Amino acid sequence: MITIQDATHADMPAIMALIRYVHAESIFKDLPFDESKAHRTAVTMMAFDKGYAKLAVRDGVMLGGMCGIIAENYVGVMCASDILMYAKGGTKLLVEDFIRWSKENGAQVIQLTDFSKGDRYGKLLTKIGLKPQGLNYIEVQ
């Protein structure tokens, strides 16, 4: 059975391995990877009261994780946004947990970004009840 757990400092080696993997497979792969900044971001999400850092775990093995934050956007609305989402199992559980956490912590808008190379994640988000809004346009230098 897959469970969703709070990320802890003891999980940092596995979390950093996951972040390195995601970076290497992403559109950001040609940009330098800064281990210390990635570590700081993960630790901040664990410690910050409006930060989210959870792991999908089965039989003690981390399958993936999600980090996010709630912050006020430019019109003063509390917006929950993902920073990292990757899982080889438990994706739906992580997203549903993030949505629940976001609502419980005052988010009025929940925004998840799909940088995947397919459409499975977008279909999952739609099935869960999120609505597509615009597209991501990006230039990586």
C-alpha atoms as a PDB file:
ATOM      1  CA  MET A   1       0.000   0.000   0.000  1.00  0.00           C
ATOM      2  CA  ILE A   2       1.245   3.483  -0.877  1.00  0.00           C
ATOM      3  CA  THR A   3       1.200   6.087   1.885  1.00  0.00           C
ATOM      4  CA  ILE A   4       1.815   9.822   1.831  1.00  0.00           C
ATOM      5  CA  GLN A   5       4.261  10.961   4.504  1.00  0.00           C
ATOM      6  CA  ASP A   6       5.821  14.223   5.599  1.00  0.00           C
ATOM      7  CA  ALA A   7       9.334  14.610   4.248  1.00  0.00           C
ATOM      8  CA  THR A   8      11.943  14.797   7.015  1.00  0.00           C
ATOM      9  CA  HIS A   9      15.627  15.632   7.224  1.00  0.00           C
ATOM     10  CA  ALA A  10      16.340  11.887   7.375  1.00  0.00           C
ATOM     11  CA  ASP A  11      14.839  11.624   3.870  1.00  0.00           C
ATOM     12  CA  MET A  12      17.213  14.203   2.364  1.00  0.00           C
ATOM     13  CA  PRO A  13      19.564  11.747   0.603  1.00  0.00           C
ATOM     14  CA  ALA A  14      16.613  10.159  -1.238  1.00  0.00           C
ATOM     15  CA  ILE A  15      15.002  13.548  -1.873  1.00  0.00           C
ATOM     16  CA  MET A  16      18.212  14.941  -3.340  1.00  0.00           C
ATOM     17  CA  ALA A  17      18.580  11.871  -5.573  1.00  0.00           C
ATOM     18  CA  LEU A  18      15.020  12.448  -6.793  1.00  0.00           C
ATOM     19  CA  ILE A  19      15.670  16.153  -7.451  1.00  0.00           C
ATOM     20  CA  ARG A  20      18.870  15.348  -9.377  1.00  0.00           C
ATOM     21  CA  TYR A  21      16.966  12.783 -11.478  1.00  0.00           C
ATOM     22  CA  VAL A  22      14.088  15.173 -12.199  1.00  0.00           C
ATOM     23  CA  HIS A  23      16.552  17.904 -13.199  1.00  0.00           C
ATOM     24  CA  ALA A  24      18.439  15.568 -15.546  1.00  0.00           C
ATOM     25  CA  GLU A  25      15.205  14.490 -17.257  1.00  0.00           C
ATOM     26  CA  SER A  26      13.614  17.941 -17.463  1.00  0.00           C
ATOM     27  CA  ILE A  27      13.661  20.881 -19.827  1.00  0.00           C
ATOM     28  CA  PHE A  28      16.111  22.420 -17.343  1.00  0.00           C
ATOM     29  CA  LYS A  29      18.750  19.697 -17.857  1.00  0.00           C
ATOM     30  CA  ASP A  30      21.126  22.019 -19.724  1.00  0.00           C
ATOM     31  CA  LEU A  31      21.169  24.494 -16.844  1.00  0.00           C
ATOM     32  CA  PRO A  32      23.697  23.921 -14.055  1.00  0.00           C
ATOM     33  CA  PHE A  33      22.353  21.976 -11.092  1.00  0.00           C
ATOM     34  CA  ASP A  34      23.089  23.648  -7.759  1.00  0.00           C
ATOM     35  CA  GLU A  35      22.988  21.012  -5.036  1.00  0.00           C
ATOM     36  CA  SER A  36      23.016  23.529  -2.190  1.00  0.00           C
ATOM     37  CA  LYS A  37      20.096  25.542  -3.590  1.00  0.00           C
ATOM     38  CA  ALA A  38      18.050  22.417  -4.242  1.00  0.00           C
ATOM     39  CA  HIS A  39      18.780  21.229  -0.701  1.00  0.00           C
ATOM     40  CA  ARG A  40      17.848  24.624   0.758  1.00  0.00           C
ATOM     41  CA  THR A  41      14.541  24.673  -1.151  1.00  0.00           C
ATOM     42  CA  ALA A  42      13.592  21.195   0.072  1.00  0.00           C
ATOM     43  CA  VAL A  43      14.481  22.017   3.681  1.00  0.00           C
ATOM     44  CA  THR A  44      12.579  25.314   3.462  1.00  0.00           C
ATOM     45  CA  MET A  45       9.439  23.532   2.248  1.00  0.00           C
ATOM     46  CA  MET A  46       9.718  21.157   5.206  1.00  0.00           C
ATOM     47  CA  ALA A  47      10.130  23.957   7.761  1.00  0.00           C
ATOM     48  CA  PHE A  48       7.963  26.773   6.369  1.00  0.00           C
ATOM     49  CA  ASP A  49       4.410  26.812   7.754  1.00  0.00           C
ATOM     50  CA  LYS A  50       3.066  27.507   4.249  1.00  0.00           C
ATOM     51  CA  GLY A  51       5.415  24.980   2.657  1.00  0.00           C
ATOM     52  CA  TYR A  52       4.459  21.473   1.566  1.00  0.00           C
ATOM     53  CA  ALA A  53       6.941  18.580   1.348  1.00  0.00           C
ATOM     54  CA  LYS A  54       5.504  15.075   1.146  1.00  0.00           C
ATOM     55  CA  LEU A  55       6.639  11.711  -0.123  1.00  0.00           C
ATOM     56  CA  ALA A  56       4.812   8.770  -1.656  1.00  0.00           C
ATOM     57  CA  VAL A  57       6.196   5.639   0.025  1.00  0.00           C
ATOM     58  CA  ARG A  58       5.562   1.906  -0.392  1.00  0.00           C
ATOM     59  CA  ASP A  59       7.180  -0.627   1.914  1.00  0.00           C
ATOM     60  CA  GLY A  60       9.734   1.950   3.070  1.00  0.00           C
ATOM     61  CA  VAL A  61      10.761   2.872  -0.482  1.00  0.00           C
ATOM     62  CA  MET A  62      10.203   6.417  -1.732  1.00  0.00           C
ATOM     63  CA  LEU A  63       8.292   6.381  -5.021  1.00  0.00           C
ATOM     64  CA  GLY A  64       8.189  10.142  -5.454  1.00  0.00           C
ATOM     65  CA  GLY A  65       7.517  13.446  -3.844  1.00  0.00           C
ATOM     66  CA  MET A  66       5.865  16.801  -4.086  1.00  0.00           C
ATOM     67  CA  CYS A  67       6.861  20.228  -2.818  1.00  0.00           C
ATOM     68  CA  GLY A  68       4.718  23.321  -2.924  1.00  0.00           C
ATOM     69  CA  ILE A  69       4.011  26.612  -1.253  1.00  0.00           C
ATOM     70  CA  ILE A  70       1.151  28.958  -0.469  1.00  0.00           C
ATOM     71  CA  ALA A  71       1.848  32.627  -1.097  1.00  0.00           C
ATOM     72  CA  GLU A  72      -0.093  35.747  -1.879  1.00  0.00           C
ATOM     73  CA  ASN A  73      -0.218  36.474  -5.600  1.00  0.00           C
ATOM     74  CA  TYR A  74      -0.171  39.866  -7.303  1.00  0.00           C
ATOM     75  CA  VAL A  75      -3.851  40.626  -6.556  1.00  0.00           C
ATOM     76  CA  GLY A  76      -3.696  39.540  -2.927  1.00  0.00           C
ATOM     77  CA  VAL A  77      -5.159  36.066  -3.353  1.00  0.00           C
ATOM     78  CA  MET A  78      -3.585  33.169  -1.460  1.00  0.00           C
ATOM     79  CA  CYS A  79      -2.345  30.797  -4.148  1.00  0.00           C
ATOM     80  CA  ALA A  80      -0.975  27.278  -3.665  1.00  0.00           C
ATOM     81  CA  SER A  81       1.600  26.328  -6.287  1.00  0.00           C
ATOM     82  CA  ASP A  82       3.711  23.261  -6.847  1.00  0.00           C
ATOM     83  CA  ILE A  83       7.478  23.551  -6.995  1.00  0.00           C
ATOM     84  CA  LEU A  84       8.262  19.909  -7.715  1.00  0.00           C
ATOM     85  CA  MET A  85       6.117  16.905  -8.487  1.00  0.00           C
ATOM     86  CA  TYR A  86       7.468  13.548  -9.546  1.00  0.00           C
ATOM     87  CA  ALA A  87       6.343  10.061  -8.671  1.00  0.00           C
ATOM     88  CA  LYS A  88       6.599   6.563 -10.074  1.00  0.00           C
ATOM     89  CA  GLY A  89       3.597   5.699  -7.953  1.00  0.00           C
ATOM     90  CA  GLY A  90       1.241   7.582  -5.683  1.00  0.00           C
ATOM     91  CA  THR A  91       0.831  10.580  -7.983  1.00  0.00           C
ATOM     92  CA  LYS A  92      -2.927  10.810  -7.433  1.00  0.00           C
ATOM     93  CA  LEU A  93      -2.494  10.457  -3.667  1.00  0.00           C
ATOM     94  CA  LEU A  94       0.143  13.214  -3.577  1.00  0.00           C
ATOM     95  CA  VAL A  95      -1.986  15.605  -5.655  1.00  0.00           C
ATOM     96  CA  GLU A  96      -5.114  14.943  -3.595  1.00  0.00           C
ATOM     97  CA  ASP A  97      -3.131  15.470  -0.390  1.00  0.00           C
ATOM     98  CA  PHE A  98      -1.670  18.730  -1.738  1.00  0.00           C
ATOM     99  CA  ILE A  99      -5.152  19.977  -2.660  1.00  0.00           C
ATOM    100  CA  ARG A 100      -6.508  19.073   0.800  1.00  0.00           C
ATOM    101  CA  TRP A 101      -3.534  20.722   2.533  1.00  0.00           C
ATOM    102  CA  SER A 102      -3.869  23.823   0.334  1.00  0.00           C
ATOM    103  CA  LYS A 103      -7.528  24.294   1.225  1.00  0.00           C
ATOM    104  CA  GLU A 104      -6.894  23.671   4.933  1.00  0.00           C
ATOM    105  CA  ASN A 105      -4.163  26.337   4.873  1.00  0.00           C
ATOM    106  CA  GLY A 106      -6.193  29.090   3.258  1.00  0.00           C
ATOM    107  CA  ALA A 107      -5.392  28.779  -0.438  1.00  0.00           C
ATOM    108  CA  GLN A 108      -8.068  30.361  -2.604  1.00  0.00           C
ATOM    109  CA  VAL A 109      -6.384  29.221  -5.823  1.00  0.00           C
ATOM    110  CA  ILE A 110      -4.548  25.942  -6.434  1.00  0.00           C
ATOM    111  CA  GLN A 111      -2.196  25.959  -9.401  1.00  0.00           C
ATOM    112  CA  LEU A 112      -0.325  22.882 -10.577  1.00  0.00           C
ATOM    113  CA  THR A 113       2.074  22.936 -13.505  1.00  0.00           C
ATOM    114  CA  ASP A 114       2.424  20.094 -15.997  1.00  0.00           C
ATOM    115  CA  PHE A 115       5.930  19.920 -17.462  1.00  0.00           C
ATOM    116  CA  SER A 116       5.528  16.230 -18.308  1.00  0.00           C
ATOM    117  CA  LYS A 117       6.229  14.971 -21.787  1.00  0.00           C
ATOM    118  CA  GLY A 118       2.852  13.290 -22.105  1.00  0.00           C
ATOM    119  CA  ASP A 119      -0.718  14.063 -21.198  1.00  0.00           C
ATOM    120  CA  ARG A 120      -1.333  11.554 -18.391  1.00  0.00           C
ATOM    121  CA  TYR A 121      -0.657  14.072 -15.617  1.00  0.00           C
ATOM    122  CA  GLY A 122      -2.959  16.673 -17.173  1.00  0.00           C
ATOM    123  CA  LYS A 123      -5.696  14.066 -17.535  1.00  0.00           C
ATOM    124  CA  LEU A 124      -5.253  13.092 -13.875  1.00  0.00           C
ATOM    125  CA  LEU A 125      -5.479  16.723 -12.747  1.00  0.00           C
ATOM    126  CA  THR A 126      -8.659  17.180 -14.782  1.00  0.00           C
ATOM    127  CA  LYS A 127     -10.159  13.965 -13.376  1.00  0.00           C
ATOM    128  CA  ILE A 128      -9.418  15.170  -9.839  1.00  0.00           C
ATOM    129  CA  GLY A 129     -11.337  18.369 -10.594  1.00  0.00           C
ATOM    130  CA  LEU A 130      -8.759  20.966 -11.596  1.00  0.00           C
ATOM    131  CA  LYS A 131      -9.459  22.931 -14.752  1.00  0.00           C
ATOM    132  CA  PRO A 132      -6.916  23.712 -17.454  1.00  0.00           C
ATOM    133  CA  GLN A 133      -6.173  27.424 -17.575  1.00  0.00           C
ATOM    134  CA  GLY A 134      -3.918  28.645 -20.329  1.00  0.00           C
ATOM    135  CA  LEU A 135      -0.646  27.065 -21.309  1.00  0.00           C
ATOM    136  CA  ASN A 136       2.924  27.275 -20.118  1.00  0.00           C
ATOM    137  CA  TYR A 137       5.257  29.049 -22.519  1.00  0.00           C
ATOM    138  CA  ILE A 138       8.854  28.905 -21.528  1.00  0.00           C
ATOM    139  CA  GLU A 139      12.342  29.695 -22.761  1.00  0.00           C
ATOM    140  CA  VAL A 140      15.264  28.072 -21.022  1.00  0.00           C
ATOM    141  CA  GLN A 141      18.638  29.759 -21.564  1.00  0.00           C
END
